C-alpha cells in the first residue's frame, strides 16, 4: 500500500515537472492540462484518504480512547481517594471525640478519687491534730497545776517573809498556809 502511494507521488512530481518544462509557464494555469490535473488530484486525494483512514485516524482514535480511559481511571481513583479521605476524617473525628470523652471521664474519676483521698487525709490530720490538742491540753493542765502549786508555795514564802519583817517574829506556817489556800479559793 505504501509503495503504491510512493510511486503515485513520484509520478505526480515527474509529470508536473515535464509539463512545466514543455509549456514554459505554470501548469496549473494551462487549461489543456486541467483534466489530467483533476485525475491526479483525485488519485492523490484517494491515496491520502486511504492512508489517513487506515493508519492515522485509527491511531488517533486509539490514542483518544486511551487518553479518555486514563482520564476516567484517574477521576475514579480521585473519587475513591476522596471517599477514603472523607471516611478517614470522619473516623479521626470520631476517635478524637471518643478520646476527649475518655479524658473527661478519667479527669472526673481522678478528681473524685483525689477528693476522697483528700477527705480521708483531712480526717486523719484532724484526728491527729485533735489528739495532739488533747495531749497539749493535758500538758497545759499539768503544768498549770504545777505552776499553781509553785505559786501557792511562793505566796506562802512571801507572806511568811513579809510577816516576819513586819511583826519581827516568825509566822505560824500552818495558819499562813490555810490563809493562802483560802485566798486562792476565792479567786
C-alpha atoms as a PDB file:
ATOM      1  CA  UNK A   1       0.000   0.000   0.000  1.00  0.00           C
ATOM      2  CA  UNK A   2       2.784   2.374   0.877  1.00  0.00           C
ATOM      3  CA  UNK A   3       4.777   1.513  -2.214  1.00  0.00           C
ATOM      4  CA  UNK A   4       1.748   2.360  -4.372  1.00  0.00           C
ATOM      5  CA  UNK A   5       1.452   5.718  -2.602  1.00  0.00           C
ATOM      6  CA  UNK A   6       5.149   6.488  -3.099  1.00  0.00           C
ATOM      7  CA  UNK A   7       5.050   5.543  -6.775  1.00  0.00           C
ATOM      8  CA  UNK A   8       1.921   7.676  -7.306  1.00  0.00           C
ATOM      9  CA  UNK A   9       3.622  10.623  -5.658  1.00  0.00           C
ATOM     10  CA  UNK A  10       6.744  10.184  -7.803  1.00  0.00           C
ATOM     11  CA  UNK A  11       4.601  10.015 -10.963  1.00  0.00           C
ATOM     12  CA  UNK A  12       2.828  13.239  -9.995  1.00  0.00           C
ATOM     13  CA  UNK A  13       6.076  15.058  -9.407  1.00  0.00           C
ATOM     14  CA  UNK A  14       7.579  13.762 -12.671  1.00  0.00           C
ATOM     15  CA  UNK A  15       4.511  14.652 -14.722  1.00  0.00           C
ATOM     16  CA  UNK A  16       4.271  18.128 -13.265  1.00  0.00           C
ATOM     17  CA  UNK A  17       7.952  18.767 -13.901  1.00  0.00           C
ATOM     18  CA  UNK A  18       7.763  17.734 -17.599  1.00  0.00           C
ATOM     19  CA  UNK A  19       4.551  19.655 -18.273  1.00  0.00           C
ATOM     20  CA  UNK A  20       6.006  22.763 -16.726  1.00  0.00           C
ATOM     21  CA  UNK A  21       9.141  22.474 -18.801  1.00  0.00           C
ATOM     22  CA  UNK A  22       7.172  21.961 -22.035  1.00  0.00           C
ATOM     23  CA  UNK A  23       4.799  24.918 -21.716  1.00  0.00           C
ATOM     24  CA  UNK A  24       7.202  27.324 -20.158  1.00  0.00           C
ATOM     25  CA  UNK A  25       4.644  28.581 -17.642  1.00  0.00           C
ATOM     26  CA  UNK A  26       2.686  27.444 -14.696  1.00  0.00           C
ATOM     27  CA  UNK A  27       0.978  24.124 -15.407  1.00  0.00           C
ATOM     28  CA  UNK A  28      -1.939  24.973 -13.151  1.00  0.00           C
ATOM     29  CA  UNK A  29      -2.966  27.745 -15.486  1.00  0.00           C
ATOM     30  CA  UNK A  30      -2.708  25.670 -18.637  1.00  0.00           C
ATOM     31  CA  UNK A  31      -6.342  24.843 -19.475  1.00  0.00           C
ATOM     32  CA  UNK A  32      -5.370  21.872 -21.585  1.00  0.00           C
ATOM     33  CA  UNK A  33      -3.866  20.130 -18.567  1.00  0.00           C
ATOM     34  CA  UNK A  34      -6.950  20.563 -16.326  1.00  0.00           C
ATOM     35  CA  UNK A  35      -8.324  17.080 -16.917  1.00  0.00           C
ATOM     36  CA  UNK A  36      -5.087  15.227 -16.053  1.00  0.00           C
ATOM     37  CA  UNK A  37      -4.547  17.516 -13.087  1.00  0.00           C
ATOM     38  CA  UNK A  38      -8.030  16.732 -11.801  1.00  0.00           C
ATOM     39  CA  UNK A  39      -7.408  12.998 -12.263  1.00  0.00           C
ATOM     40  CA  UNK A  40      -4.134  13.221 -10.374  1.00  0.00           C
ATOM     41  CA  UNK A  41      -5.816  15.336  -7.723  1.00  0.00           C
ATOM     42  CA  UNK A  42      -8.476  12.666  -7.352  1.00  0.00           C
ATOM     43  CA  UNK A  43      -5.834   9.918  -7.192  1.00  0.00           C
ATOM     44  CA  UNK A  44      -3.792  11.856  -4.592  1.00  0.00           C
ATOM     45  CA  UNK A  45      -6.941  12.561  -2.592  1.00  0.00           C
ATOM     46  CA  UNK A  46      -7.967   8.890  -2.607  1.00  0.00           C
ATOM     47  CA  UNK A  47      -4.435   7.786  -1.637  1.00  0.00           C
ATOM     48  CA  UNK A  48      -4.247  10.321   1.184  1.00  0.00           C
ATOM     49  CA  UNK A  49      -7.769   9.421   2.283  1.00  0.00           C
ATOM     50  CA  UNK A  50      -6.883   5.726   2.388  1.00  0.00           C
ATOM     51  CA  UNK A  51      -3.639   6.410   4.280  1.00  0.00           C
ATOM     52  CA  UNK A  52      -5.436   8.642   6.772  1.00  0.00           C
ATOM     53  CA  UNK A  53      -8.418   6.325   7.233  1.00  0.00           C
ATOM     54  CA  UNK A  54      -6.320   3.158   7.559  1.00  0.00           C
ATOM     55  CA  UNK A  55      -3.331   4.441   9.543  1.00  0.00           C
ATOM     56  CA  UNK A  56      -3.653   7.902  11.075  1.00  0.00           C
ATOM     57  CA  UNK A  57      -7.318   8.014  12.102  1.00  0.00           C
ATOM     58  CA  UNK A  58      -7.271   4.636  13.921  1.00  0.00           C
ATOM     59  CA  UNK A  59      -4.042   5.619  15.677  1.00  0.00           C
ATOM     60  CA  UNK A  60      -5.536   8.960  16.717  1.00  0.00           C
ATOM     61  CA  UNK A  61      -8.810   7.278  17.751  1.00  0.00           C
ATOM     62  CA  UNK A  62      -6.857   4.697  19.759  1.00  0.00           C
ATOM     63  CA  UNK A  63      -4.826   7.466  21.440  1.00  0.00           C
ATOM     64  CA  UNK A  64      -8.008   9.397  22.241  1.00  0.00           C
ATOM     65  CA  UNK A  65      -9.668   6.275  23.669  1.00  0.00           C
ATOM     66  CA  UNK A  66      -6.595   5.529  25.790  1.00  0.00           C
ATOM     67  CA  UNK A  67      -6.484   9.134  26.956  1.00  0.00           C
ATOM     68  CA  UNK A  68     -10.190   9.086  27.797  1.00  0.00           C
ATOM     69  CA  UNK A  69      -9.777   5.781  29.657  1.00  0.00           C
ATOM     70  CA  UNK A  70      -6.779   7.176  31.568  1.00  0.00           C
ATOM     71  CA  UNK A  71      -8.675  10.347  32.471  1.00  0.00           C
ATOM     72  CA  UNK A  72     -11.691   8.308  33.596  1.00  0.00           C
ATOM     73  CA  UNK A  73      -9.455   5.972  35.621  1.00  0.00           C
ATOM     74  CA  UNK A  74      -7.772   8.980  37.228  1.00  0.00           C
ATOM     75  CA  UNK A  75     -11.153  10.525  38.019  1.00  0.00           C
ATOM     76  CA  UNK A  76     -12.361   7.229  39.516  1.00  0.00           C
ATOM     77  CA  UNK A  77      -9.172   6.910  41.569  1.00  0.00           C
ATOM     78  CA  UNK A  78      -9.524  10.517  42.721  1.00  0.00           C
ATOM     79  CA  UNK A  79     -13.143   9.886  43.722  1.00  0.00           C
ATOM     80  CA  UNK A  80     -12.139   6.747  45.636  1.00  0.00           C
ATOM     81  CA  UNK A  81      -9.317   8.650  47.327  1.00  0.00           C
ATOM     82  CA  UNK A  82     -11.734  11.464  48.166  1.00  0.00           C
ATOM     83  CA  UNK A  83     -14.205   8.972  49.674  1.00  0.00           C
ATOM     84  CA  UNK A  84     -11.392   7.285  51.602  1.00  0.00           C
ATOM     85  CA  UNK A  85     -10.241  10.688  52.861  1.00  0.00           C
ATOM     86  CA  UNK A  86     -13.756  11.563  53.980  1.00  0.00           C
ATOM     87  CA  UNK A  87     -14.025   8.237  55.793  1.00  0.00           C
ATOM     88  CA  UNK A  88     -10.599   8.752  57.387  1.00  0.00           C
ATOM     89  CA  UNK A  89     -11.560  12.261  58.525  1.00  0.00           C
ATOM     90  CA  UNK A  90     -14.863  11.000  59.940  1.00  0.00           C
ATOM     91  CA  UNK A  91     -13.058   8.144  61.698  1.00  0.00           C
ATOM     92  CA  UNK A  92     -10.439  10.575  63.039  1.00  0.00           C
ATOM     93  CA  UNK A  93     -13.109  12.966  64.325  1.00  0.00           C
ATOM     94  CA  UNK A  94     -14.961  10.086  65.996  1.00  0.00           C
ATOM     95  CA  UNK A  95     -11.774   8.788  67.621  1.00  0.00           C
ATOM     96  CA  UNK A  96     -10.916  12.335  68.719  1.00  0.00           C
ATOM     97  CA  UNK A  97     -14.372  12.794  70.266  1.00  0.00           C
ATOM     98  CA  UNK A  98     -14.082   9.399  71.982  1.00  0.00           C
ATOM     99  CA  UNK A  99     -10.616  10.293  73.281  1.00  0.00           C
ATOM    100  CA  UNK A 100     -11.893  13.627  74.614  1.00  0.00           C
ATOM    101  CA  UNK A 101     -14.805  11.904  76.339  1.00  0.00           C
ATOM    102  CA  UNK A 102     -12.444   9.302  77.809  1.00  0.00           C
ATOM    103  CA  UNK A 103     -10.130  12.092  79.019  1.00  0.00           C
ATOM    104  CA  UNK A 104     -13.078  13.881  80.644  1.00  0.00           C
ATOM    105  CA  UNK A 105     -14.158  10.632  82.283  1.00  0.00           C
ATOM    106  CA  UNK A 106     -10.638   9.916  83.556  1.00  0.00           C
ATOM    107  CA  UNK A 107     -10.284  13.501  84.792  1.00  0.00           C
ATOM    108  CA  UNK A 108     -13.623  13.268  86.583  1.00  0.00           C
ATOM    109  CA  UNK A 109     -12.708   9.901  88.139  1.00  0.00           C
ATOM    110  CA  UNK A 110      -9.293  11.231  89.148  1.00  0.00           C
ATOM    111  CA  UNK A 111     -10.869  14.328  90.710  1.00  0.00           C
ATOM    112  CA  UNK A 112     -13.322  12.145  92.645  1.00  0.00           C
ATOM    113  CA  UNK A 113     -10.502   9.859  93.786  1.00  0.00           C
ATOM    114  CA  UNK A 114      -8.397  12.874  94.765  1.00  0.00           C
ATOM    115  CA  UNK A 115     -11.353  14.368  96.657  1.00  0.00           C
ATOM    116  CA  UNK A 116     -11.901  11.109  98.531  1.00  0.00           C
ATOM    117  CA  UNK A 117      -8.184  10.809  99.282  1.00  0.00           C
ATOM    118  CA  UNK A 118      -8.081  14.437 100.409  1.00  0.00           C
ATOM    119  CA  UNK A 119     -11.128  13.942 102.636  1.00  0.00           C
ATOM    120  CA  UNK A 120      -9.541  10.838 104.171  1.00  0.00           C
ATOM    121  CA  UNK A 121      -6.258  12.705 104.626  1.00  0.00           C
ATOM    122  CA  UNK A 122      -8.050  15.690 106.190  1.00  0.00           C
ATOM    123  CA  UNK A 123      -9.868  13.322 108.531  1.00  0.00           C
ATOM    124  CA  UNK A 124      -6.565  11.721 109.531  1.00  0.00           C
ATOM    125  CA  UNK A 125      -4.944  15.130 110.015  1.00  0.00           C
ATOM    126  CA  UNK A 126      -7.973  16.313 112.006  1.00  0.00           C
ATOM    127  CA  UNK A 127      -7.831  13.244 114.244  1.00  0.00           C
ATOM    128  CA  UNK A 128      -4.082  13.580 114.698  1.00  0.00           C
ATOM    129  CA  UNK A 129      -4.402  17.297 115.469  1.00  0.00           C
ATOM    130  CA  UNK A 130      -7.291  16.557 117.841  1.00  0.00           C
ATOM    131  CA  UNK A 131      -5.095  14.018 119.643  1.00  0.00           C
ATOM    132  CA  UNK A 132      -2.203  16.473 119.763  1.00  0.00           C
ATOM    133  CA  UNK A 133      -4.512  19.231 121.065  1.00  0.00           C
ATOM    134  CA  UNK A 134      -5.903  16.916 123.767  1.00  0.00           C
ATOM    135  CA  UNK A 135      -2.356  15.925 124.729  1.00  0.00           C
ATOM    136  CA  UNK A 136      -1.282  19.586 124.756  1.00  0.00           C
ATOM    137  CA  UNK A 137      -4.291  20.473 126.936  1.00  0.00           C
ATOM    138  CA  UNK A 138      -3.313  17.702 129.376  1.00  0.00           C
ATOM    139  CA  UNK A 139       0.265  19.028 129.486  1.00  0.00           C
ATOM    140  CA  UNK A 140      -1.012  22.566 129.938  1.00  0.00           C
ATOM    141  CA  UNK A 141      -3.335  21.422 132.765  1.00  0.00           C
ATOM    142  CA  UNK A 142      -0.458  19.502 134.348  1.00  0.00           C
ATOM    143  CA  UNK A 143       1.908  22.454 134.034  1.00  0.00           C
ATOM    144  CA  UNK A 144      -0.805  24.779 135.339  1.00  0.00           C
ATOM    145  CA  UNK A 145      -1.294  22.598 138.365  1.00  0.00           C
ATOM    146  CA  UNK A 146       2.474  22.548 138.873  1.00  0.00           C
ATOM    147  CA  UNK A 147       2.653  26.335 138.470  1.00  0.00           C
ATOM    148  CA  UNK A 148      -0.295  26.842 140.769  1.00  0.00           C
ATOM    149  CA  UNK A 149       1.327  24.627 143.394  1.00  0.00           C
ATOM    150  CA  UNK A 150       4.522  26.551 142.950  1.00  0.00           C
ATOM    151  CA  UNK A 151       2.607  29.833 143.247  1.00  0.00           C
ATOM    152  CA  UNK A 152       0.962  28.645 146.428  1.00  0.00           C
ATOM    153  CA  UNK A 153       4.353  27.797 147.889  1.00  0.00           C
ATOM    154  CA  UNK A 154       5.745  31.122 146.606  1.00  0.00           C
ATOM    155  CA  UNK A 155       2.809  33.042 148.117  1.00  0.00           C
ATOM    156  CA  UNK A 156       3.308  31.238 151.423  1.00  0.00           C
ATOM    157  CA  UNK A 157       7.032  32.063 151.410  1.00  0.00           C
ATOM    158  CA  UNK A 158       6.385  35.715 150.523  1.00  0.00           C
ATOM    159  CA  UNK A 159       3.692  36.018 153.187  1.00  0.00           C
ATOM    160  CA  UNK A 160       5.984  34.409 155.820  1.00  0.00           C
ATOM    161  CA  UNK A 161       8.813  36.735 154.876  1.00  0.00           C
ATOM    162  CA  UNK A 162       6.564  39.796 154.972  1.00  0.00           C
ATOM    163  CA  UNK A 163       5.040  38.796 158.320  1.00  0.00           C
ATOM    164  CA  UNK A 164       8.440  38.183 159.883  1.00  0.00           C
ATOM    165  CA  UNK A 165       9.669  41.603 158.736  1.00  0.00           C
ATOM    166  CA  UNK A 166       6.556  43.379 159.898  1.00  0.00           C
ATOM    167  CA  UNK A 167       5.966  41.507 163.137  1.00  0.00           C
ATOM    168  CA  UNK A 168       9.547  40.825 163.902  1.00  0.00           C
ATOM    169  CA  UNK A 169       8.883  37.191 164.707  1.00  0.00           C
ATOM    170  CA  UNK A 170       8.436  34.084 162.547  1.00  0.00           C
ATOM    171  CA  UNK A 171       4.928  33.287 161.313  1.00  0.00           C
ATOM    172  CA  UNK A 172       2.977  30.138 162.020  1.00  0.00           C
ATOM    173  CA  UNK A 173       3.397  28.067 158.813  1.00  0.00           C
ATOM    174  CA  UNK A 174       0.159  26.091 159.240  1.00  0.00           C
ATOM    175  CA  UNK A 175      -2.047  29.182 159.775  1.00  0.00           C
ATOM    176  CA  UNK A 176      -0.287  31.024 156.958  1.00  0.00           C
ATOM    177  CA  UNK A 177      -0.786  28.108 154.519  1.00  0.00           C
ATOM    178  CA  UNK A 178      -4.502  27.948 155.412  1.00  0.00           C
ATOM    179  CA  UNK A 179      -4.921  31.683 154.814  1.00  0.00           C
ATOM    180  CA  UNK A 180      -3.126  31.469 151.371  1.00  0.00           C
ATOM    181  CA  UNK A 181      -5.296  28.467 150.377  1.00  0.00           C
ATOM    182  CA  UNK A 182      -8.429  30.360 151.417  1.00  0.00           C
ATOM    183  CA  UNK A 183      -7.324  33.395 149.373  1.00  0.00           C
ATOM    184  CA  UNK A 184      -6.750  31.207 146.293  1.00  0.00           C
ATOM    185  CA  UNK A 185     -10.145  29.630 146.691  1.00  0.00           C
ATOM    186  CA  UNK A 186     -11.889  32.991 146.378  1.00  0.00           C
ATOM    187  CA  UNK A 187     -10.467  33.737 143.038  1.00  0.00           C
END
